[in-house]
Amino acid sequence: MSGRLPTPPSESNSNLQHGSTKAKSRLSKQQQQQNHAGSETRRRQKLEDGWSQLADLIPSVDQKEAKKIGLVSKKAVQFASEQLAKRKRLMEALEAKGVNIEQDLGIRVSSNYVLSTSLQDQ
């Protein structure tokens, strides 16, 4: 060890470390608007992609309807309700044959077989 102490940071470095606005680079108003527009475009594209994927999963949604968010969501709720009702009927048929679904098949049974009627009627 040489016994020398480290040199203190220069004043300009200490200003940077303590959040001085003089040393920070600022974006122009135009750059801020461009960044915001780019972020918004990416956000909208992600939403469109998600709705498109959802629309692809719903058999009753055709290509023309895929962009209509309200219609896709309504048909998604209908489809999910139909699938849950079908699941309930299948599970009841298995139970009628003496199959213990949780124990024999290892499937966790939920008491929420069907969505509430208020959701189905919308």
N, C-alpha and C. Protein backbone atom coordinates (compact mmCIF):
# COMPACT_ATOMS: atom_id res chain seq x y z
N MET A 1 0.83 -1.18 0.00
CA MET A 1 0.00 0.00 0.00
C MET A 1 0.87 1.23 0.00
N SER A 2 0.52 2.19 -0.75
CA SER A 2 1.32 3.41 -0.85
C SER A 2 0.90 4.45 0.15
N GLY A 3 -0.26 4.28 0.78
CA GLY A 3 -0.71 5.23 1.77
C GLY A 3 -1.38 6.45 1.19
N ARG A 4 -1.53 6.47 -0.13
CA ARG A 4 -2.19 7.63 -0.72
C ARG A 4 -3.70 7.48 -0.67
N LEU A 5 -4.36 8.54 -0.44
CA LEU A 5 -5.83 8.55 -0.44
C LEU A 5 -6.34 8.74 -1.86
N PRO A 6 -7.48 8.14 -2.15
CA PRO A 6 -8.02 8.36 -3.50
C PRO A 6 -8.39 9.82 -3.69
N THR A 7 -8.23 10.27 -4.91
CA THR A 7 -8.54 11.67 -5.19
C THR A 7 -10.06 11.83 -5.23
N PRO A 8 -10.58 12.92 -4.70
CA PRO A 8 -12.03 13.13 -4.72
C PRO A 8 -12.51 13.36 -6.14
N PRO A 9 -13.75 13.01 -6.40
CA PRO A 9 -14.26 13.22 -7.75
C PRO A 9 -14.29 14.71 -8.07
N SER A 10 -14.17 15.02 -9.35
CA SER A 10 -14.19 16.43 -9.74
C SER A 10 -15.58 16.99 -9.48
N GLU A 11 -15.65 18.29 -9.46
CA GLU A 11 -16.92 18.95 -9.15
C GLU A 11 -17.99 18.61 -10.18
N SER A 12 -17.59 18.49 -11.45
CA SER A 12 -18.59 18.18 -12.47
C SER A 12 -19.13 16.76 -12.28
N ASN A 13 -18.29 15.82 -11.85
CA ASN A 13 -18.77 14.47 -11.58
C ASN A 13 -19.71 14.45 -10.38
N SER A 14 -19.39 15.23 -9.34
CA SER A 14 -20.26 15.22 -8.17
C SER A 14 -21.62 15.82 -8.51
N ASN A 15 -21.66 16.79 -9.41
CA ASN A 15 -22.95 17.34 -9.84
C ASN A 15 -23.78 16.29 -10.55
N LEU A 16 -23.14 15.48 -11.35
CA LEU A 16 -23.85 14.41 -12.05
C LEU A 16 -24.43 13.42 -11.06
N GLN A 17 -23.65 13.09 -10.03
CA GLN A 17 -24.09 12.11 -9.06
C GLN A 17 -25.23 12.63 -8.20
N HIS A 18 -25.32 13.91 -8.00
CA HIS A 18 -26.33 14.47 -7.11
C HIS A 18 -27.53 15.01 -7.88
N GLY A 19 -27.68 14.65 -9.14
CA GLY A 19 -28.88 14.99 -9.88
C GLY A 19 -28.94 16.41 -10.40
N SER A 20 -27.82 17.03 -10.66
CA SER A 20 -27.82 18.38 -11.21
C SER A 20 -28.43 18.36 -12.60
N THR A 21 -29.35 19.26 -12.85
CA THR A 21 -29.99 19.31 -14.17
C THR A 21 -29.08 19.93 -15.21
N LYS A 22 -28.06 20.68 -14.77
CA LYS A 22 -27.16 21.29 -15.73
C LYS A 22 -26.39 20.24 -16.53
N ALA A 23 -26.00 19.17 -15.87
CA ALA A 23 -25.16 18.16 -16.51
C ALA A 23 -25.99 17.12 -17.28
N LYS A 24 -27.28 17.03 -17.00
CA LYS A 24 -28.12 16.03 -17.67
C LYS A 24 -28.48 16.51 -19.07
N SER A 25 -28.47 15.56 -20.00
CA SER A 25 -28.92 15.93 -21.34
C SER A 25 -30.44 15.88 -21.36
N ARG A 26 -31.05 16.81 -22.01
CA ARG A 26 -32.50 16.90 -22.10
C ARG A 26 -32.92 16.62 -23.53
N LEU A 27 -34.05 15.97 -23.66
CA LEU A 27 -34.60 15.73 -24.99
C LEU A 27 -35.39 16.96 -25.42
N SER A 28 -35.32 17.23 -26.70
CA SER A 28 -36.11 18.34 -27.21
C SER A 28 -37.58 17.94 -27.19
N LYS A 29 -38.44 18.92 -27.31
CA LYS A 29 -39.88 18.66 -27.34
C LYS A 29 -40.22 17.71 -28.49
N GLN A 30 -39.59 17.89 -29.62
CA GLN A 30 -39.84 17.04 -30.79
C GLN A 30 -39.40 15.60 -30.52
N GLN A 31 -38.24 15.42 -29.87
CA GLN A 31 -37.77 14.08 -29.53
C GLN A 31 -38.71 13.40 -28.53
N GLN A 32 -39.21 14.18 -27.56
CA GLN A 32 -40.16 13.63 -26.59
C GLN A 32 -41.43 13.17 -27.30
N GLN A 33 -41.92 13.97 -28.23
CA GLN A 33 -43.13 13.62 -28.98
C GLN A 33 -42.90 12.38 -29.84
N GLN A 34 -41.72 12.30 -30.46
CA GLN A 34 -41.40 11.13 -31.28
C GLN A 34 -41.31 9.87 -30.42
N ASN A 35 -40.68 9.98 -29.25
CA ASN A 35 -40.58 8.84 -28.34
C ASN A 35 -41.97 8.39 -27.89
N HIS A 36 -42.80 9.36 -27.54
CA HIS A 36 -44.16 9.05 -27.10
C HIS A 36 -44.96 8.39 -28.22
N ALA A 37 -44.86 8.93 -29.42
CA ALA A 37 -45.58 8.37 -30.57
C ALA A 37 -45.12 6.94 -30.84
N GLY A 38 -43.82 6.70 -30.74
CA GLY A 38 -43.30 5.35 -30.95
C GLY A 38 -43.80 4.38 -29.90
N SER A 39 -43.80 4.82 -28.65
CA SER A 39 -44.30 3.97 -27.55
C SER A 39 -45.78 3.67 -27.74
N GLU A 40 -46.54 4.66 -28.12
CA GLU A 40 -47.98 4.48 -28.33
C GLU A 40 -48.26 3.53 -29.50
N THR A 41 -47.48 3.64 -30.55
CA THR A 41 -47.63 2.75 -31.69
C THR A 41 -47.35 1.30 -31.30
N ARG A 42 -46.28 1.09 -30.52
CA ARG A 42 -45.95 -0.27 -30.06
C ARG A 42 -47.05 -0.82 -29.14
N ARG A 43 -47.59 0.04 -28.27
CA ARG A 43 -48.66 -0.38 -27.36
C ARG A 43 -49.90 -0.80 -28.15
N ARG A 44 -50.27 0.00 -29.13
CA ARG A 44 -51.45 -0.33 -29.94
C ARG A 44 -51.24 -1.61 -30.74
N GLN A 45 -50.03 -1.80 -31.24
CA GLN A 45 -49.74 -3.01 -32.01
C GLN A 45 -49.84 -4.25 -31.14
N LYS A 46 -49.37 -4.16 -29.90
CA LYS A 46 -49.48 -5.29 -28.97
C LYS A 46 -50.94 -5.61 -28.67
N LEU A 47 -51.76 -4.57 -28.49
CA LEU A 47 -53.19 -4.78 -28.26
C LEU A 47 -53.85 -5.44 -29.47
N GLU A 48 -53.54 -4.94 -30.66
CA GLU A 48 -54.11 -5.52 -31.88
C GLU A 48 -53.70 -6.99 -32.04
N ASP A 49 -52.44 -7.28 -31.75
CA ASP A 49 -51.96 -8.66 -31.85
C ASP A 49 -52.69 -9.56 -30.86
N GLY A 50 -52.88 -9.07 -29.64
CA GLY A 50 -53.59 -9.85 -28.62
C GLY A 50 -55.03 -10.12 -29.01
N TRP A 51 -55.72 -9.10 -29.51
CA TRP A 51 -57.11 -9.29 -29.94
C TRP A 51 -57.19 -10.23 -31.14
N SER A 52 -56.23 -10.12 -32.02
CA SER A 52 -56.20 -11.00 -33.18
C SER A 52 -56.01 -12.46 -32.75
N GLN A 53 -55.12 -12.69 -31.79
CA GLN A 53 -54.90 -14.04 -31.27
C GLN A 53 -56.16 -14.57 -30.58
N LEU A 54 -56.83 -13.71 -29.82
CA LEU A 54 -58.07 -14.11 -29.16
C LEU A 54 -59.13 -14.44 -30.21
N ALA A 55 -59.26 -13.60 -31.22
CA ALA A 55 -60.25 -13.83 -32.27
C ALA A 55 -59.99 -15.15 -33.00
N ASP A 56 -58.72 -15.51 -33.17
CA ASP A 56 -58.38 -16.79 -33.83
C ASP A 56 -58.83 -17.99 -33.00
N LEU A 57 -58.93 -17.83 -31.69
CA LEU A 57 -59.33 -18.94 -30.82
C LEU A 57 -60.84 -19.16 -30.78
N ILE A 58 -61.60 -18.15 -31.19
CA ILE A 58 -63.05 -18.22 -31.11
C ILE A 58 -63.61 -18.65 -32.46
N PRO A 59 -64.22 -19.85 -32.54
CA PRO A 59 -64.68 -20.36 -33.83
C PRO A 59 -65.73 -19.48 -34.52
N SER A 60 -66.56 -18.79 -33.77
CA SER A 60 -67.65 -18.02 -34.38
C SER A 60 -67.22 -16.63 -34.85
N VAL A 61 -65.95 -16.28 -34.72
CA VAL A 61 -65.46 -14.97 -35.17
C VAL A 61 -64.81 -15.15 -36.53
N ASP A 62 -65.35 -14.44 -37.53
CA ASP A 62 -64.74 -14.53 -38.86
C ASP A 62 -63.73 -13.39 -39.05
N GLN A 63 -63.06 -13.41 -40.18
CA GLN A 63 -61.97 -12.47 -40.46
C GLN A 63 -62.43 -11.01 -40.38
N LYS A 64 -63.62 -10.71 -40.89
CA LYS A 64 -64.13 -9.33 -40.88
C LYS A 64 -64.43 -8.84 -39.47
N GLU A 65 -64.85 -9.76 -38.61
CA GLU A 65 -65.24 -9.40 -37.26
C GLU A 65 -64.05 -9.28 -36.30
N ALA A 66 -62.90 -9.79 -36.71
CA ALA A 66 -61.74 -9.90 -35.81
C ALA A 66 -61.27 -8.54 -35.27
N LYS A 67 -61.51 -7.45 -35.97
CA LYS A 67 -61.06 -6.13 -35.53
C LYS A 67 -62.06 -5.45 -34.60
N LYS A 68 -63.25 -6.02 -34.46
CA LYS A 68 -64.28 -5.40 -33.62
C LYS A 68 -64.14 -5.92 -32.19
N ILE A 69 -63.52 -5.11 -31.36
CA ILE A 69 -63.16 -5.51 -30.00
C ILE A 69 -64.38 -5.92 -29.18
N GLY A 70 -65.43 -5.13 -29.25
CA GLY A 70 -66.64 -5.44 -28.49
C GLY A 70 -67.24 -6.77 -28.88
N LEU A 71 -67.30 -7.02 -30.18
CA LEU A 71 -67.87 -8.27 -30.68
C LEU A 71 -66.99 -9.47 -30.31
N VAL A 72 -65.69 -9.31 -30.45
CA VAL A 72 -64.76 -10.40 -30.10
C VAL A 72 -64.88 -10.73 -28.62
N SER A 73 -64.92 -9.71 -27.77
CA SER A 73 -65.01 -9.99 -26.33
C SER A 73 -66.34 -10.65 -25.98
N LYS A 74 -67.42 -10.22 -26.60
CA LYS A 74 -68.73 -10.83 -26.34
C LYS A 74 -68.73 -12.30 -26.77
N LYS A 75 -68.20 -12.56 -27.96
CA LYS A 75 -68.16 -13.94 -28.45
C LYS A 75 -67.18 -14.79 -27.64
N ALA A 76 -66.13 -14.17 -27.11
CA ALA A 76 -65.18 -14.91 -26.26
C ALA A 76 -65.88 -15.36 -24.98
N VAL A 77 -66.69 -14.48 -24.39
CA VAL A 77 -67.43 -14.84 -23.18
C VAL A 77 -68.43 -15.95 -23.50
N GLN A 78 -69.12 -15.84 -24.62
CA GLN A 78 -70.07 -16.89 -25.04
C GLN A 78 -69.36 -18.23 -25.21
N PHE A 79 -68.24 -18.20 -25.91
CA PHE A 79 -67.49 -19.43 -26.18
C PHE A 79 -66.99 -20.06 -24.88
N ALA A 80 -66.45 -19.22 -23.99
CA ALA A 80 -65.96 -19.74 -22.71
C ALA A 80 -67.10 -20.34 -21.90
N SER A 81 -68.25 -19.69 -21.90
CA SER A 81 -69.42 -20.21 -21.19
C SER A 81 -69.86 -21.56 -21.75
N GLU A 82 -69.87 -21.66 -23.09
CA GLU A 82 -70.24 -22.93 -23.73
C GLU A 82 -69.25 -24.03 -23.36
N GLN A 83 -67.97 -23.70 -23.37
CA GLN A 83 -66.96 -24.70 -23.04
C GLN A 83 -67.06 -25.14 -21.58
N LEU A 84 -67.34 -24.20 -20.70
CA LEU A 84 -67.51 -24.56 -19.29
C LEU A 84 -68.75 -25.43 -19.07
N ALA A 85 -69.82 -25.12 -19.79
CA ALA A 85 -71.04 -25.93 -19.68
C ALA A 85 -70.78 -27.35 -20.21
N LYS A 86 -70.05 -27.43 -21.31
CA LYS A 86 -69.70 -28.74 -21.88
C LYS A 86 -68.84 -29.53 -20.90
N ARG A 87 -67.89 -28.84 -20.29
CA ARG A 87 -67.02 -29.49 -19.29
C ARG A 87 -67.85 -30.02 -18.12
N LYS A 88 -68.81 -29.22 -17.68
CA LYS A 88 -69.66 -29.64 -16.57
C LYS A 88 -70.44 -30.89 -16.94
N ARG A 89 -71.01 -30.92 -18.15
CA ARG A 89 -71.78 -32.10 -18.58
C ARG A 89 -70.88 -33.35 -18.65
N LEU A 90 -69.68 -33.19 -19.16
CA LEU A 90 -68.75 -34.32 -19.24
C LEU A 90 -68.37 -34.83 -17.86
N MET A 91 -68.12 -33.90 -16.95
CA MET A 91 -67.73 -34.31 -15.59
C MET A 91 -68.90 -34.99 -14.88
N GLU A 92 -70.10 -34.48 -15.10
CA GLU A 92 -71.27 -35.11 -14.50
C GLU A 92 -71.48 -36.52 -15.06
N ALA A 93 -71.24 -36.71 -16.35
CA ALA A 93 -71.38 -38.03 -16.97
C ALA A 93 -70.34 -39.00 -16.38
N LEU A 94 -69.12 -38.52 -16.19
CA LEU A 94 -68.09 -39.37 -15.59
C LEU A 94 -68.45 -39.73 -14.15
N GLU A 95 -68.91 -38.73 -13.40
CA GLU A 95 -69.30 -38.98 -12.01
C GLU A 95 -70.47 -39.98 -11.93
N ALA A 96 -71.39 -39.90 -12.91
CA ALA A 96 -72.53 -40.83 -12.94
C ALA A 96 -72.06 -42.26 -13.18
N LYS A 97 -70.92 -42.40 -13.85
CA LYS A 97 -70.35 -43.73 -14.09
C LYS A 97 -69.45 -44.18 -12.95
N GLY A 98 -69.39 -43.37 -11.89
CA GLY A 98 -68.62 -43.76 -10.71
C GLY A 98 -67.17 -43.34 -10.73
N VAL A 99 -66.79 -42.46 -11.65
CA VAL A 99 -65.41 -41.99 -11.72
C VAL A 99 -65.24 -40.82 -10.75
N ASN A 100 -64.25 -40.94 -9.86
CA ASN A 100 -63.90 -39.83 -8.98
C ASN A 100 -62.87 -39.00 -9.73
N ILE A 101 -63.31 -37.88 -10.27
CA ILE A 101 -62.48 -37.09 -11.18
C ILE A 101 -61.18 -36.63 -10.53
N GLU A 102 -61.27 -36.11 -9.33
CA GLU A 102 -60.06 -35.61 -8.66
C GLU A 102 -59.10 -36.75 -8.32
N GLN A 103 -59.65 -37.82 -7.78
CA GLN A 103 -58.79 -38.92 -7.32
C GLN A 103 -58.33 -39.80 -8.48
N ASP A 104 -59.26 -40.24 -9.33
CA ASP A 104 -58.93 -41.17 -10.40
C ASP A 104 -58.17 -40.52 -11.56
N LEU A 105 -58.54 -39.28 -11.89
CA LEU A 105 -57.93 -38.62 -13.05
C LEU A 105 -56.92 -37.54 -12.68
N GLY A 106 -56.89 -37.18 -11.41
CA GLY A 106 -55.95 -36.14 -10.98
C GLY A 106 -56.31 -34.76 -11.48
N ILE A 107 -57.60 -34.51 -11.74
CA ILE A 107 -58.05 -33.21 -12.23
C ILE A 107 -58.73 -32.49 -11.08
N ARG A 108 -58.26 -31.28 -10.80
CA ARG A 108 -58.87 -30.48 -9.74
C ARG A 108 -60.22 -29.97 -10.23
N VAL A 109 -61.25 -30.20 -9.45
CA VAL A 109 -62.60 -29.80 -9.83
C VAL A 109 -62.93 -28.48 -9.14
N SER A 110 -63.36 -27.54 -9.94
CA SER A 110 -63.76 -26.24 -9.42
C SER A 110 -65.27 -26.19 -9.32
N SER A 111 -65.75 -25.44 -8.36
CA SER A 111 -67.20 -25.29 -8.23
C SER A 111 -67.73 -24.30 -9.25
N ASN A 112 -66.85 -23.60 -9.94
CA ASN A 112 -67.27 -22.59 -10.93
C ASN A 112 -67.32 -23.22 -12.33
N TYR A 113 -68.30 -24.09 -12.54
CA TYR A 113 -68.41 -24.74 -13.84
C TYR A 113 -68.85 -23.77 -14.94
N VAL A 114 -69.78 -22.91 -14.62
CA VAL A 114 -70.39 -22.05 -15.64
C VAL A 114 -70.31 -20.61 -15.17
N LEU A 115 -70.08 -19.71 -16.12
CA LEU A 115 -70.09 -18.29 -15.77
C LEU A 115 -71.48 -17.89 -15.35
N SER A 116 -71.55 -16.85 -14.57
CA SER A 116 -72.88 -16.41 -14.09
C SER A 116 -73.74 -16.00 -15.27
N THR A 117 -75.02 -16.10 -15.10
CA THR A 117 -75.95 -15.78 -16.18
C THR A 117 -75.87 -14.32 -16.56
N SER A 118 -75.48 -13.46 -15.64
CA SER A 118 -75.38 -12.04 -15.99
C SER A 118 -74.30 -11.82 -17.06
N LEU A 119 -73.23 -12.60 -17.04
CA LEU A 119 -72.21 -12.49 -18.07
C LEU A 119 -72.68 -13.07 -19.39
N GLN A 120 -73.43 -14.17 -19.34
CA GLN A 120 -73.90 -14.80 -20.56
C GLN A 120 -74.91 -13.94 -21.31
N ASP A 121 -75.68 -13.16 -20.59
CA ASP A 121 -76.75 -12.38 -21.21
C ASP A 121 -76.28 -11.06 -21.82
N GLN A 122 -75.04 -10.70 -21.61
CA GLN A 122 -74.56 -9.40 -22.12
C GLN A 122 -74.33 -9.45 -23.59
